[in-house]
C-alpha atoms as a PDB file:
ATOM      1  CA  MET A   1     -12.722 -14.364  -1.193  1.00  0.00           C
ATOM      2  CA  ASN A   2      -9.029 -14.139  -2.018  1.00  0.00           C
ATOM      3  CA  LYS A   3      -7.003 -14.018   1.219  1.00  0.00           C
ATOM      4  CA  VAL A   4      -5.026 -10.965   0.093  1.00  0.00           C
ATOM      5  CA  LYS A   5      -8.221  -8.882   0.208  1.00  0.00           C
ATOM      6  CA  TYR A   6      -8.346  -9.503   3.947  1.00  0.00           C
ATOM      7  CA  LEU A   7      -5.016  -7.738   4.386  1.00  0.00           C
ATOM      8  CA  LEU A   8      -5.332  -4.186   5.603  1.00  0.00           C
ATOM      9  CA  THR A   9      -2.210  -3.183   3.681  1.00  0.00           C
ATOM     10  CA  TYR A  10      -3.729  -4.492   0.463  1.00  0.00           C
ATOM     11  CA  ARG A  11      -6.980  -2.579   0.983  1.00  0.00           C
ATOM     12  CA  TYR A  12      -5.043   0.663   1.506  1.00  0.00           C
ATOM     13  CA  ALA A  13      -2.873  -0.118  -1.522  1.00  0.00           C
ATOM     14  CA  LEU A  14      -5.983  -0.712  -3.613  1.00  0.00           C
ATOM     15  CA  MET A  15      -7.460   2.639  -2.568  1.00  0.00           C
ATOM     16  CA  ILE A  16      -4.183   4.410  -3.352  1.00  0.00           C
ATOM     17  CA  HIS A  17      -3.861   2.721  -6.730  1.00  0.00           C
ATOM     18  CA  ASP A  18      -7.435   3.470  -7.791  1.00  0.00           C
ATOM     19  CA  LEU A  19      -7.318   7.074  -6.589  1.00  0.00           C
ATOM     20  CA  THR A  20      -3.888   7.683  -8.138  1.00  0.00           C
ATOM     21  CA  VAL A  21      -5.229   6.684 -11.554  1.00  0.00           C
ATOM     22  CA  VAL A  22      -8.041   9.221 -11.114  1.00  0.00           C
ATOM     23  CA  PHE A  23      -5.667  11.877  -9.707  1.00  0.00           C
ATOM     24  CA  VAL A  24      -3.248  11.756 -12.642  1.00  0.00           C
ATOM     25  CA  GLN A  25      -6.094  11.790 -15.167  1.00  0.00           C
ATOM     26  CA  LYS A  26      -7.514  14.857 -13.455  1.00  0.00           C
ATOM     27  CA  TYR A  27      -4.396  16.852 -12.521  1.00  0.00           C
ATOM     28  CA  ILE A  28      -1.306  15.656 -14.428  1.00  0.00           C
ATOM     29  CA  GLU A  29      -0.694  16.551 -18.069  1.00  0.00           C
ATOM     30  CA  TYR A  30      -1.476  13.645 -20.389  1.00  0.00           C
ATOM     31  CA  LYS A  31       1.999  13.441 -21.965  1.00  0.00           C
ATOM     32  CA  SER A  32       3.874  13.844 -18.688  1.00  0.00           C
ATOM     33  CA  ARG A  33       6.289  11.081 -17.706  1.00  0.00           C
ATOM     34  CA  THR A  34       5.310  11.769 -14.089  1.00  0.00           C
ATOM     35  CA  ARG A  35       1.791  10.584 -14.828  1.00  0.00           C
ATOM     36  CA  ASP A  36       2.979   7.151 -15.933  1.00  0.00           C
ATOM     37  CA  GLN A  37       5.493   6.889 -13.090  1.00  0.00           C
ATOM     38  CA  MET A  38       2.876   7.710 -10.453  1.00  0.00           C
ATOM     39  CA  GLU A  39       0.492   5.104 -11.863  1.00  0.00           C
ATOM     40  CA  GLN A  40       3.294   2.532 -11.978  1.00  0.00           C
ATOM     41  CA  ALA A  41       4.443   3.272  -8.408  1.00  0.00           C
ATOM     42  CA  ALA A  42       0.876   2.860  -7.131  1.00  0.00           C
ATOM     43  CA  ARG A  43       0.456  -0.362  -9.116  1.00  0.00           C
ATOM     44  CA  SER A  44       3.821  -1.713  -7.978  1.00  0.00           C
ATOM     45  CA  GLY A  45       2.992  -1.006  -4.340  1.00  0.00           C
ATOM     46  CA  LYS A  46      -0.247  -2.972  -4.634  1.00  0.00           C
ATOM     47  CA  GLN A  47       1.046  -5.803  -6.809  1.00  0.00           C
ATOM     48  CA  ASN A  48       4.094  -6.479  -4.633  1.00  0.00           C
ATOM     49  CA  ILE A  49       1.770  -7.033  -1.674  1.00  0.00           C
ATOM     50  CA  VAL A  50      -0.230  -9.512  -3.771  1.00  0.00           C
ATOM     51  CA  GLU A  51       2.894 -11.351  -4.909  1.00  0.00           C
ATOM     52  CA  GLY A  52       4.532 -11.169  -1.484  1.00  0.00           C
ATOM     53  CA  VAL A  53       1.707 -12.893   0.353  1.00  0.00           C
ATOM     54  CA  SER A  54       0.925 -15.477  -2.314  1.00  0.00           C
ATOM     55  CA  GLN A  55       0.957 -19.090  -1.173  1.00  0.00           C
ATOM     56  CA  SER A  56       3.999 -19.950  -3.269  1.00  0.00           C
ATOM     57  CA  THR A  57       6.180 -17.201  -1.795  1.00  0.00           C
ATOM     58  CA  SER A  58       8.819 -17.973   0.812  1.00  0.00           C
ATOM     59  CA  LEU A  59       9.068 -15.793   3.909  1.00  0.00           C
ATOM     60  CA  LYS A  60      12.369 -14.375   2.651  1.00  0.00           C
ATOM     61  CA  THR A  61      10.765 -13.420  -0.664  1.00  0.00           C
ATOM     62  CA  GLN A  62       7.714 -12.029   1.132  1.00  0.00           C
ATOM     63  CA  ILE A  63       9.915  -9.714   3.198  1.00  0.00           C
ATOM     64  CA  LYS A  64      11.749  -8.588   0.063  1.00  0.00           C
ATOM     65  CA  LEU A  65       8.551  -7.935  -1.929  1.00  0.00           C
ATOM     66  CA  LEU A  66       6.892  -6.067   0.925  1.00  0.00           C
ATOM     67  CA  GLY A  67      10.045  -3.923   1.065  1.00  0.00           C
ATOM     68  CA  VAL A  68       9.660  -3.188  -2.656  1.00  0.00           C
ATOM     69  CA  SER A  69       6.059  -2.210  -1.946  1.00  0.00           C
ATOM     70  CA  VAL A  70       7.211   0.242   0.739  1.00  0.00           C
ATOM     71  CA  ALA A  71       9.742   1.736  -1.687  1.00  0.00           C
ATOM     72  CA  SER A  72       7.030   2.169  -4.335  1.00  0.00           C
ATOM     73  CA  PHE A  73       4.740   3.962  -1.906  1.00  0.00           C
ATOM     74  CA  GLU A  74       7.618   6.146  -0.685  1.00  0.00           C
ATOM     75  CA  GLU A  75       8.285   7.106  -4.309  1.00  0.00           C
ATOM     76  CA  LEU A  76       4.606   7.928  -4.735  1.00  0.00           C
ATOM     77  CA  THR A  77       4.653   9.959  -1.509  1.00  0.00           C
ATOM     78  CA  ALA A  78       7.502  12.050  -2.929  1.00  0.00           C
ATOM     79  CA  ASP A  79       5.506  12.547  -6.143  1.00  0.00           C
ATOM     80  CA  TYR A  80       2.520  13.920  -4.203  1.00  0.00           C
ATOM     81  CA  GLU A  81       4.805  16.148  -2.138  1.00  0.00           C
ATOM     82  CA  ASP A  82       6.412  17.389  -5.374  1.00  0.00           C
ATOM     83  CA  TYR A  83       3.012  18.048  -6.916  1.00  0.00           C
ATOM     84  CA  LEU A  84       1.931  20.169  -3.949  1.00  0.00           C
ATOM     85  CA  ARG A  85       5.221  22.092  -3.813  1.00  0.00           C
ATOM     86  CA  GLN A  86       5.433  22.672  -7.580  1.00  0.00           C
ATOM     87  CA  HIS A  87       1.849  23.956  -7.691  1.00  0.00           C
ATOM     88  CA  ASN A  88       2.319  26.179  -4.629  1.00  0.00           C
ATOM     89  CA  LEU A  89      -0.262  24.191  -2.697  1.00  0.00           C
ATOM     90  CA  GLU A  90      -0.203  23.521   1.019  1.00  0.00           C
ATOM     91  CA  THR A  91       1.049  20.226   2.423  1.00  0.00           C
ATOM     92  CA  TYR A  92      -0.997  19.656   5.559  1.00  0.00           C
ATOM     93  CA  PRO A  93       0.874  18.773   8.746  1.00  0.00           C
ATOM     94  CA  LYS A  94      -0.202  15.519  10.375  1.00  0.00           C
ATOM     95  CA  THR A  95      -1.829  17.542  13.160  1.00  0.00           C
ATOM     96  CA  ASP A  96      -4.188  19.312  10.720  1.00  0.00           C
ATOM     97  CA  SER A  97      -7.867  18.534  11.311  1.00  0.00           C
ATOM     98  CA  LYS A  98      -8.265  17.658   7.623  1.00  0.00           C
ATOM     99  CA  VAL A  99      -5.613  14.945   7.979  1.00  0.00           C
ATOM    100  CA  ARG A 100      -7.627  13.493  10.862  1.00  0.00           C
ATOM    101  CA  VAL A 101     -10.673  13.371   8.577  1.00  0.00           C
ATOM    102  CA  PHE A 102      -8.564  11.744   5.822  1.00  0.00           C
ATOM    103  CA  ARG A 103      -7.304   9.111   8.298  1.00  0.00           C
ATOM    104  CA  ASP A 104     -10.824   8.420   9.542  1.00  0.00           C
ATOM    105  CA  THR A 105     -12.026   8.074   5.948  1.00  0.00           C
ATOM    106  CA  GLY A 106      -9.231   5.618   5.224  1.00  0.00           C
ATOM    107  CA  TYR A 107     -10.065   3.584   8.344  1.00  0.00           C
ATOM    108  CA  ARG A 108     -13.755   3.488   7.427  1.00  0.00           C
ATOM    109  CA  LEU A 109     -13.199   2.531   3.807  1.00  0.00           C
ATOM    110  CA  SER A 110     -10.561  -0.100   4.606  1.00  0.00           C
ATOM    111  CA  ALA A 111     -12.724  -1.850   7.208  1.00  0.00           C
ATOM    112  CA  LEU A 112     -13.675  -5.456   6.489  1.00  0.00           C
ATOM    113  CA  SER A 113     -17.299  -4.407   6.913  1.00  0.00           C
ATOM    114  CA  ASN A 114     -16.868  -2.292   3.746  1.00  0.00           C
ATOM    115  CA  LEU A 115     -16.080  -5.357   1.623  1.00  0.00           C
ATOM    116  CA  SER A 116     -18.609  -7.199  -0.485  1.00  0.00           C
ATOM    117  CA  PRO A 117     -18.661 -11.023  -0.402  1.00  0.00           C
ATOM    118  CA  LEU A 118     -16.288 -10.897  -3.395  1.00  0.00           C
ATOM    119  CA  GLY A 119     -13.891  -8.594  -1.537  1.00  0.00           C
ATOM    120  CA  ASP A 120     -14.682  -5.395  -3.420  1.00  0.00           C
ATOM    121  CA  PHE A 121     -15.278  -2.077  -1.702  1.00  0.00           C
ATOM    122  CA  ILE A 122     -18.959  -1.437  -1.044  1.00  0.00           C
ATOM    123  CA  GLU A 123     -18.350   2.281  -0.517  1.00  0.00           C
ATOM    124  CA  LYS A 124     -15.709   3.279  -3.046  1.00  0.00           C
ATOM    125  CA  PRO A 125     -13.023   5.810  -2.152  1.00  0.00           C
ATOM    126  CA  THR A 126     -13.559   9.247  -3.652  1.00  0.00           C
ATOM    127  CA  PHE A 127     -11.725  12.554  -3.511  1.00  0.00           C
ATOM    128  CA  PRO A 128     -12.579  15.547  -1.348  1.00  0.00           C
ATOM    129  CA  GLY A 129     -12.740  17.558  -4.582  1.00  0.00           C
ATOM    130  CA  ASN A 130      -9.867  20.017  -4.990  1.00  0.00           C
ATOM    131  CA  PRO A 131      -6.199  19.442  -5.874  1.00  0.00           C
ATOM    132  CA  THR A 132      -4.851  20.418  -2.440  1.00  0.00           C
ATOM    133  CA  ASP A 133      -7.180  18.149  -0.476  1.00  0.00           C
ATOM    134  CA  ASP A 134      -6.952  15.363  -3.049  1.00  0.00           C
ATOM    135  CA  ALA A 135      -3.137  15.254  -2.978  1.00  0.00           C
ATOM    136  CA  ASN A 136      -3.075  15.523   0.831  1.00  0.00           C
ATOM    137  CA  PHE A 137      -5.639  12.718   1.115  1.00  0.00           C
ATOM    138  CA  LEU A 138      -3.402  10.471  -0.980  1.00  0.00           C
ATOM    139  CA  LEU A 139      -0.344  11.554   1.018  1.00  0.00           C
ATOM    140  CA  THR A 140      -2.159  10.536   4.201  1.00  0.00           C
ATOM    141  CA  LEU A 141      -3.067   7.135   2.737  1.00  0.00           C
ATOM    142  CA  CYS A 142       0.542   6.633   1.584  1.00  0.00           C
ATOM    143  CA  HIS A 143       1.834   7.403   5.093  1.00  0.00           C
ATOM    144  CA  ILE A 144      -0.638   4.941   6.593  1.00  0.00           C
ATOM    145  CA  VAL A 145       0.206   2.117   4.184  1.00  0.00           C
ATOM    146  CA  THR A 146       3.973   2.511   4.621  1.00  0.00           C
ATOM    147  CA  PHE A 147       3.526   2.428   8.404  1.00  0.00           C
ATOM    148  CA  LEU A 148       1.351  -0.688   8.173  1.00  0.00           C
ATOM    149  CA  LEU A 149       3.746  -2.369   5.747  1.00  0.00           C
ATOM    150  CA  SER A 150       6.676  -1.729   8.095  1.00  0.00           C
ATOM    151  CA  LYS A 151       4.738  -3.541  10.833  1.00  0.00           C
ATOM    152  CA  GLN A 152       3.889  -6.387   8.442  1.00  0.00           C
ATOM    153  CA  ILE A 153       7.566  -6.709   7.445  1.00  0.00           C
ATOM    154  CA  LYS A 154       8.675  -6.708  11.074  1.00  0.00           C
ATOM    155  CA  ALA A 155       6.187  -9.497  11.883  1.00  0.00           C
ATOM    156  CA  ALA A 156       7.437 -11.542   8.911  1.00  0.00           C
ATOM    157  CA  GLU A 157      11.053 -10.988   9.990  1.00  0.00           C
ATOM    158  CA  GLU A 158      10.257 -12.145  13.526  1.00  0.00           C
ATOM    159  CA  LYS A 159       8.512 -15.221  12.128  1.00  0.00           C
ATOM    160  CA  PHE A 160      11.533 -15.926   9.927  1.00  0.00           C
ATOM    161  CA  VAL A 161      13.966 -15.560  12.838  1.00  0.00           C
ATOM    162  CA  SER A 162      11.924 -17.787  15.156  1.00  0.00           C
ATOM    163  CA  GLY A 163      10.920 -20.487  12.673  1.00  0.00           C
ATOM    164  CA  GLY A 164      13.226 -20.153   9.735  1.00  0.00           C
ATOM    165  CA  GLY A 165      12.306 -20.041   6.116  1.00  0.00           C
ATOM    166  CA  TYR A 166      11.053 -22.615   3.682  1.00  0.00           C
ATOM    167  CA  THR A 167      14.502 -24.060   2.910  1.00  0.00           C
ATOM    168  CA  GLU A 168      15.352 -24.430   6.589  1.00  0.00           C
ATOM    169  CA  THR A 169      12.017 -26.127   7.287  1.00  0.00           C
ATOM    170  CA  LEU A 170      12.632 -28.615   4.467  1.00  0.00           C
ATOM    171  CA  PHE A 171      16.158 -29.245   5.767  1.00  0.00           C
ATOM    172  CA  ARG A 172      14.825 -30.014   9.267  1.00  0.00           C
ATOM    173  CA  LYS A 173      12.263 -32.413   7.765  1.00  0.00           C
ATOM    174  CA  ARG A 174      14.996 -34.086   5.707  1.00  0.00           C
ATOM    175  CA  LEU A 175      17.178 -34.519   8.801  1.00  0.00           C
ATOM    176  CA  LYS A 176      14.235 -36.069  10.665  1.00  0.00           C
ATOM    177  CA  PHE A 177      13.509 -38.378   7.761  1.00  0.00           C
ATOM    178  CA  SER A 178      17.107 -39.577   7.437  1.00  0.00           C
ATOM    179  CA  LYS A 179      17.385 -40.595  11.126  1.00  0.00           C
END
């Protein structure tokens, strides 16, 4: 299985991307620019995680790409907040019992035990079934992934500070070799 599929941030990003495609098909007018932008923000959030953790990426580039992923998910968060506000629908506070259910659903679906041997979801994410709950579910997932990405970025920054990046590692090896 591809190592990126083991990343919790990737599994959340995948859920958000897949559900966003369904959400815009269901609730956003076909010719709306917002529809395309929401799909692209969800895709960018996921793809920047993939690119950021690839084997050929330096730590510095990883930190940058994970930051781009956060920005994409923050943009998507604003789109879901706009959707709820513009349609006079409730945005649930994080203390709402429905948000707890959404979080628990996200935890369950993102668990490694929910991955097939090929790294695909066994139980696929689905919507609660109405625009208010659906948008709030995606908002909850976006909040979770941005929180997790901030922790992943912080860990990468600490690793960079303590061990340096690729260029610095090569320089140290070169110095050792030349002695």
